[in-house]
Amino acid sequence: MSPDSPSPGSVRSAAVVNEEIRALWRRTGGTLSAEERTEYELLVVEWATAVRADVVKAA
């Protein structure tokens, strides 16, 4: 994961994480190395957590 990633338990907005995912795809040209795949998977989990947090806040 990138060096400026938040510590576990902190929640960035889904929009912020989504932009980081998009930037990763742009940077790699759509082909991920094993390390980038791991970063992507962690970002997707973080994004899903942020989406769930948004839903709970809206309820």
PDB file of N, CA and C in Angstrom:
ATOM      1  N   MET A   1       0.843  -1.173   0.000  1.00  0.00           N
ATOM      2  CA  MET A   1       0.000   0.000   0.000  1.00  0.00           C
ATOM      3  C   MET A   1       0.887   1.235   0.000  1.00  0.00           C
ATOM      4  N   SER A   2       0.371   2.329  -0.451  1.00  0.00           N
ATOM      5  CA  SER A   2       1.185   3.528  -0.552  1.00  0.00           C
ATOM      6  C   SER A   2       1.590   4.041   0.831  1.00  0.00           C
ATOM      7  N   PRO A   3       2.713   4.743   0.923  1.00  0.00           N
ATOM      8  CA  PRO A   3       3.227   5.211   2.211  1.00  0.00           C
ATOM      9  C   PRO A   3       2.300   6.156   2.941  1.00  0.00           C
ATOM     10  N   ASP A   4       1.434   6.865   2.220  1.00  0.00           N
ATOM     11  CA  ASP A   4       0.548   7.815   2.888  1.00  0.00           C
ATOM     12  C   ASP A   4      -0.819   7.215   3.196  1.00  0.00           C
ATOM     13  N   SER A   5      -0.921   5.897   3.167  1.00  0.00           N
ATOM     14  CA  SER A   5      -2.176   5.230   3.486  1.00  0.00           C
ATOM     15  C   SER A   5      -2.466   5.391   4.971  1.00  0.00           C
ATOM     16  N   PRO A   6      -3.755   5.468   5.301  1.00  0.00           N
ATOM     17  CA  PRO A   6      -4.109   5.652   6.701  1.00  0.00           C
ATOM     18  C   PRO A   6      -3.833   4.396   7.514  1.00  0.00           C
ATOM     19  N   SER A   7      -3.729   4.579   8.803  1.00  0.00           N
ATOM     20  CA  SER A   7      -3.539   3.431   9.673  1.00  0.00           C
ATOM     21  C   SER A   7      -4.813   2.604   9.710  1.00  0.00           C
ATOM     22  N   PRO A   8      -4.692   1.310  10.015  1.00  0.00           N
ATOM     23  CA  PRO A   8      -5.885   0.472  10.087  1.00  0.00           C
ATOM     24  C   PRO A   8      -6.876   1.069  11.076  1.00  0.00           C
ATOM     25  N   GLY A   9      -8.142   1.012  10.720  1.00  0.00           N
ATOM     26  CA  GLY A   9      -9.179   1.541  11.586  1.00  0.00           C
ATOM     27  C   GLY A   9      -9.616   2.953  11.218  1.00  0.00           C
ATOM     28  N   SER A  10      -8.775   3.724  10.548  1.00  0.00           N
ATOM     29  CA  SER A  10      -9.201   5.046  10.127  1.00  0.00           C
ATOM     30  C   SER A  10      -9.991   4.895   8.831  1.00  0.00           C
ATOM     31  N   VAL A  11     -10.952   5.772   8.634  1.00  0.00           N
ATOM     32  CA  VAL A  11     -11.807   5.642   7.457  1.00  0.00           C
ATOM     33  C   VAL A  11     -11.747   6.913   6.631  1.00  0.00           C
ATOM     34  N   ARG A  12     -11.234   6.771   5.400  1.00  0.00           N
ATOM     35  CA  ARG A  12     -11.283   7.879   4.448  1.00  0.00           C
ATOM     36  C   ARG A  12     -12.605   7.750   3.710  1.00  0.00           C
ATOM     37  N   SER A  13     -13.004   8.820   3.048  1.00  0.00           N
ATOM     38  CA  SER A  13     -14.261   8.761   2.305  1.00  0.00           C
ATOM     39  C   SER A  13     -14.142   7.805   1.127  1.00  0.00           C
ATOM     40  N   ALA A  14     -15.278   7.254   0.718  1.00  0.00           N
ATOM     41  CA  ALA A  14     -15.307   6.349  -0.433  1.00  0.00           C
ATOM     42  C   ALA A  14     -14.791   7.062  -1.676  1.00  0.00           C
ATOM     43  N   ALA A  15     -15.104   8.330  -1.823  1.00  0.00           N
ATOM     44  CA  ALA A  15     -14.659   9.093  -2.996  1.00  0.00           C
ATOM     45  C   ALA A  15     -13.140   9.213  -3.032  1.00  0.00           C
ATOM     46  N   VAL A  16     -12.525   9.446  -1.896  1.00  0.00           N
ATOM     47  CA  VAL A  16     -11.066   9.574  -1.829  1.00  0.00           C
ATOM     48  C   VAL A  16     -10.407   8.243  -2.183  1.00  0.00           C
ATOM     49  N   VAL A  17     -10.919   7.162  -1.611  1.00  0.00           N
ATOM     50  CA  VAL A  17     -10.344   5.845  -1.886  1.00  0.00           C
ATOM     51  C   VAL A  17     -10.578   5.469  -3.347  1.00  0.00           C
ATOM     52  N   ASN A  18     -11.758   5.774  -3.864  1.00  0.00           N
ATOM     53  CA  ASN A  18     -12.052   5.478  -5.262  1.00  0.00           C
ATOM     54  C   ASN A  18     -11.073   6.200  -6.186  1.00  0.00           C
ATOM     55  N   GLU A  19     -10.755   7.435  -5.872  1.00  0.00           N
ATOM     56  CA  GLU A  19      -9.789   8.177  -6.694  1.00  0.00           C
ATOM     57  C   GLU A  19      -8.412   7.528  -6.623  1.00  0.00           C
ATOM     58  N   GLU A  20      -8.040   7.022  -5.462  1.00  0.00           N
ATOM     59  CA  GLU A  20      -6.744   6.339  -5.344  1.00  0.00           C
ATOM     60  C   GLU A  20      -6.740   5.048  -6.178  1.00  0.00           C
ATOM     61  N   ILE A  21      -7.862   4.345  -6.194  1.00  0.00           N
ATOM     62  CA  ILE A  21      -7.978   3.140  -7.029  1.00  0.00           C
ATOM     63  C   ILE A  21      -7.836   3.515  -8.506  1.00  0.00           C
ATOM     64  N   ARG A  22      -8.524   4.554  -8.914  1.00  0.00           N
ATOM     65  CA  ARG A  22      -8.432   5.004 -10.310  1.00  0.00           C
ATOM     66  C   ARG A  22      -7.003   5.413 -10.664  1.00  0.00           C
ATOM     67  N   ALA A  23      -6.334   6.108  -9.741  1.00  0.00           N
ATOM     68  CA  ALA A  23      -4.957   6.533  -9.980  1.00  0.00           C
ATOM     69  C   ALA A  23      -4.033   5.322 -10.125  1.00  0.00           C
ATOM     70  N   LEU A  24      -4.275   4.304  -9.335  1.00  0.00           N
ATOM     71  CA  LEU A  24      -3.475   3.082  -9.436  1.00  0.00           C
ATOM     72  C   LEU A  24      -3.631   2.467 -10.814  1.00  0.00           C
ATOM     73  N   TRP A  25      -4.864   2.375 -11.304  1.00  0.00           N
ATOM     74  CA  TRP A  25      -5.092   1.800 -12.645  1.00  0.00           C
ATOM     75  C   TRP A  25      -4.453   2.649 -13.729  1.00  0.00           C
ATOM     76  N   ARG A  26      -4.555   3.985 -13.594  1.00  0.00           N
ATOM     77  CA  ARG A  26      -3.925   4.863 -14.590  1.00  0.00           C
ATOM     78  C   ARG A  26      -2.409   4.696 -14.575  1.00  0.00           C
ATOM     79  N   ARG A  27      -1.845   4.651 -13.382  1.00  0.00           N
ATOM     80  CA  ARG A  27      -0.395   4.544 -13.223  1.00  0.00           C
ATOM     81  C   ARG A  27       0.142   3.235 -13.801  1.00  0.00           C
ATOM     82  N   THR A  28      -0.633   2.163 -13.680  1.00  0.00           N
ATOM     83  CA  THR A  28      -0.152   0.846 -14.119  1.00  0.00           C
ATOM     84  C   THR A  28      -0.562   0.510 -15.540  1.00  0.00           C
ATOM     85  N   GLY A  29      -1.405   1.323 -16.135  1.00  0.00           N
ATOM     86  CA  GLY A  29      -1.872   1.034 -17.486  1.00  0.00           C
ATOM     87  C   GLY A  29      -2.800  -0.174 -17.544  1.00  0.00           C
ATOM     88  N   GLY A  30      -3.365  -0.537 -16.401  1.00  0.00           N
ATOM     89  CA  GLY A  30      -4.339  -1.629 -16.373  1.00  0.00           C
ATOM     90  C   GLY A  30      -3.748  -3.006 -16.140  1.00  0.00           C
ATOM     91  N   THR A  31      -2.431  -3.086 -15.975  1.00  0.00           N
ATOM     92  CA  THR A  31      -1.790  -4.369 -15.693  1.00  0.00           C
ATOM     93  C   THR A  31      -1.098  -4.264 -14.344  1.00  0.00           C
ATOM     94  N   LEU A  32      -1.573  -5.041 -13.369  1.00  0.00           N
ATOM     95  CA  LEU A  32      -1.051  -4.944 -12.016  1.00  0.00           C
ATOM     96  C   LEU A  32      -0.013  -6.022 -11.735  1.00  0.00           C
ATOM     97  N   SER A  33       1.084  -5.607 -11.102  1.00  0.00           N
ATOM     98  CA  SER A  33       2.065  -6.566 -10.597  1.00  0.00           C
ATOM     99  C   SER A  33       1.476  -7.206  -9.342  1.00  0.00           C
ATOM    100  N   ALA A  34       2.151  -8.186  -8.792  1.00  0.00           N
ATOM    101  CA  ALA A  34       1.673  -8.834  -7.572  1.00  0.00           C
ATOM    102  C   ALA A  34       1.558  -7.814  -6.436  1.00  0.00           C
ATOM    103  N   GLU A  35       2.536  -6.928  -6.312  1.00  0.00           N
ATOM    104  CA  GLU A  35       2.503  -5.901  -5.262  1.00  0.00           C
ATOM    105  C   GLU A  35       1.344  -4.923  -5.491  1.00  0.00           C
ATOM    106  N   GLU A  36       1.156  -4.510  -6.736  1.00  0.00           N
ATOM    107  CA  GLU A  36       0.058  -3.588  -7.058  1.00  0.00           C
ATOM    108  C   GLU A  36      -1.293  -4.261  -6.860  1.00  0.00           C
ATOM    109  N   ARG A  37      -1.380  -5.556  -7.141  1.00  0.00           N
ATOM    110  CA  ARG A  37      -2.630  -6.298  -6.931  1.00  0.00           C
ATOM    111  C   ARG A  37      -2.983  -6.301  -5.444  1.00  0.00           C
ATOM    112  N   THR A  38      -1.966  -6.489  -4.608  1.00  0.00           N
ATOM    113  CA  THR A  38      -2.189  -6.443  -3.159  1.00  0.00           C
ATOM    114  C   THR A  38      -2.676  -5.066  -2.737  1.00  0.00           C
ATOM    115  N   GLU A  39      -2.038  -4.024  -3.274  1.00  0.00           N
ATOM    116  CA  GLU A  39      -2.467  -2.655  -2.972  1.00  0.00           C
ATOM    117  C   GLU A  39      -3.913  -2.440  -3.409  1.00  0.00           C
ATOM    118  N   TYR A  40      -4.249  -2.901  -4.612  1.00  0.00           N
ATOM    119  CA  TYR A  40      -5.604  -2.767  -5.136  1.00  0.00           C
ATOM    120  C   TYR A  40      -6.610  -3.464  -4.214  1.00  0.00           C
ATOM    121  N   GLU A  41      -6.294  -4.681  -3.819  1.00  0.00           N
ATOM    122  CA  GLU A  41      -7.208  -5.433  -2.958  1.00  0.00           C
ATOM    123  C   GLU A  41      -7.436  -4.724  -1.624  1.00  0.00           C
ATOM    124  N   LEU A  42      -6.370  -4.165  -1.050  1.00  0.00           N
ATOM    125  CA  LEU A  42      -6.514  -3.417   0.200  1.00  0.00           C
ATOM    126  C   LEU A  42      -7.359  -2.161   0.003  1.00  0.00           C
ATOM    127  N   LEU A  43      -7.161  -1.498  -1.119  1.00  0.00           N
ATOM    128  CA  LEU A  43      -7.962  -0.303  -1.415  1.00  0.00           C
ATOM    129  C   LEU A  43      -9.437  -0.651  -1.594  1.00  0.00           C
ATOM    130  N   VAL A  44      -9.721  -1.767  -2.249  1.00  0.00           N
ATOM    131  CA  VAL A  44     -11.118  -2.164  -2.450  1.00  0.00           C
ATOM    132  C   VAL A  44     -11.782  -2.455  -1.105  1.00  0.00           C
ATOM    133  N   VAL A  45     -11.061  -3.119  -0.211  1.00  0.00           N
ATOM    134  CA  VAL A  45     -11.607  -3.385   1.131  1.00  0.00           C
ATOM    135  C   VAL A  45     -11.854  -2.061   1.861  1.00  0.00           C
ATOM    136  N   GLU A  46     -10.894  -1.138   1.755  1.00  0.00           N
ATOM    137  CA  GLU A  46     -11.065   0.171   2.393  1.00  0.00           C
ATOM    138  C   GLU A  46     -12.250   0.921   1.794  1.00  0.00           C
ATOM    139  N   TRP A  47     -12.387   0.856   0.473  1.00  0.00           N
ATOM    140  CA  TRP A  47     -13.509   1.522  -0.205  1.00  0.00           C
ATOM    141  C   TRP A  47     -14.838   0.950   0.285  1.00  0.00           C
ATOM    142  N   ALA A  48     -14.928  -0.370   0.365  1.00  0.00           N
ATOM    143  CA  ALA A  48     -16.170  -1.008   0.820  1.00  0.00           C
ATOM    144  C   ALA A  48     -16.495  -0.599   2.259  1.00  0.00           C
ATOM    145  N   THR A  49     -15.484  -0.499   3.098  1.00  0.00           N
ATOM    146  CA  THR A  49     -15.684  -0.060   4.479  1.00  0.00           C
ATOM    147  C   THR A  49     -16.213   1.372   4.505  1.00  0.00           C
ATOM    148  N   ALA A  50     -15.666   2.225   3.667  1.00  0.00           N
ATOM    149  CA  ALA A  50     -16.109   3.619   3.603  1.00  0.00           C
ATOM    150  C   ALA A  50     -17.546   3.712   3.100  1.00  0.00           C
ATOM    151  N   VAL A  51     -17.900   2.895   2.120  1.00  0.00           N
ATOM    152  CA  VAL A  51     -19.273   2.889   1.598  1.00  0.00           C
ATOM    153  C   VAL A  51     -20.231   2.459   2.704  1.00  0.00           C
ATOM    154  N   ARG A  52     -19.878   1.409   3.432  1.00  0.00           N
ATOM    155  CA  ARG A  52     -20.734   0.943   4.546  1.00  0.00           C
ATOM    156  C   ARG A  52     -20.882   2.036   5.604  1.00  0.00           C
ATOM    157  N   ALA A  53     -19.790   2.735   5.913  1.00  0.00           N
ATOM    158  CA  ALA A  53     -19.842   3.814   6.901  1.00  0.00           C
ATOM    159  C   ALA A  53     -20.773   4.923   6.426  1.00  0.00           C
ATOM    160  N   ASP A  54     -20.747   5.233   5.132  1.00  0.00           N
ATOM    161  CA  ASP A  54     -21.644   6.246   4.574  1.00  0.00           C
ATOM    162  C   ASP A  54     -23.096   5.821   4.697  1.00  0.00           C
ATOM    163  N   VAL A  55     -23.372   4.556   4.486  1.00  0.00           N
ATOM    164  CA  VAL A  55     -24.746   4.051   4.575  1.00  0.00           C
ATOM    165  C   VAL A  55     -25.230   4.136   6.018  1.00  0.00           C
ATOM    166  N   VAL A  56     -24.382   3.777   6.960  1.00  0.00           N
ATOM    167  CA  VAL A  56     -24.760   3.827   8.371  1.00  0.00           C
ATOM    168  C   VAL A  56     -25.018   5.275   8.782  1.00  0.00           C
ATOM    169  N   LYS A  57     -24.181   6.210   8.334  1.00  0.00           N
ATOM    170  CA  LYS A  57     -24.390   7.624   8.657  1.00  0.00           C
ATOM    171  C   LYS A  57     -25.707   8.132   8.091  1.00  0.00           C
ATOM    172  N   ALA A  58     -26.083   7.657   6.910  1.00  0.00           N
ATOM    173  CA  ALA A  58     -27.296   8.128   6.250  1.00  0.00           C
ATOM    174  C   ALA A  58     -28.551   7.548   6.886  1.00  0.00           C
ATOM    175  N   ALA A  59     -28.408   6.443   7.582  1.00  0.00           N
ATOM    176  CA  ALA A  59     -29.598   5.766   8.147  1.00  0.00           C
ATOM    177  C   ALA A  59     -30.146   6.476   9.361  1.00  0.00           C
TER     178      ALA A  59
END
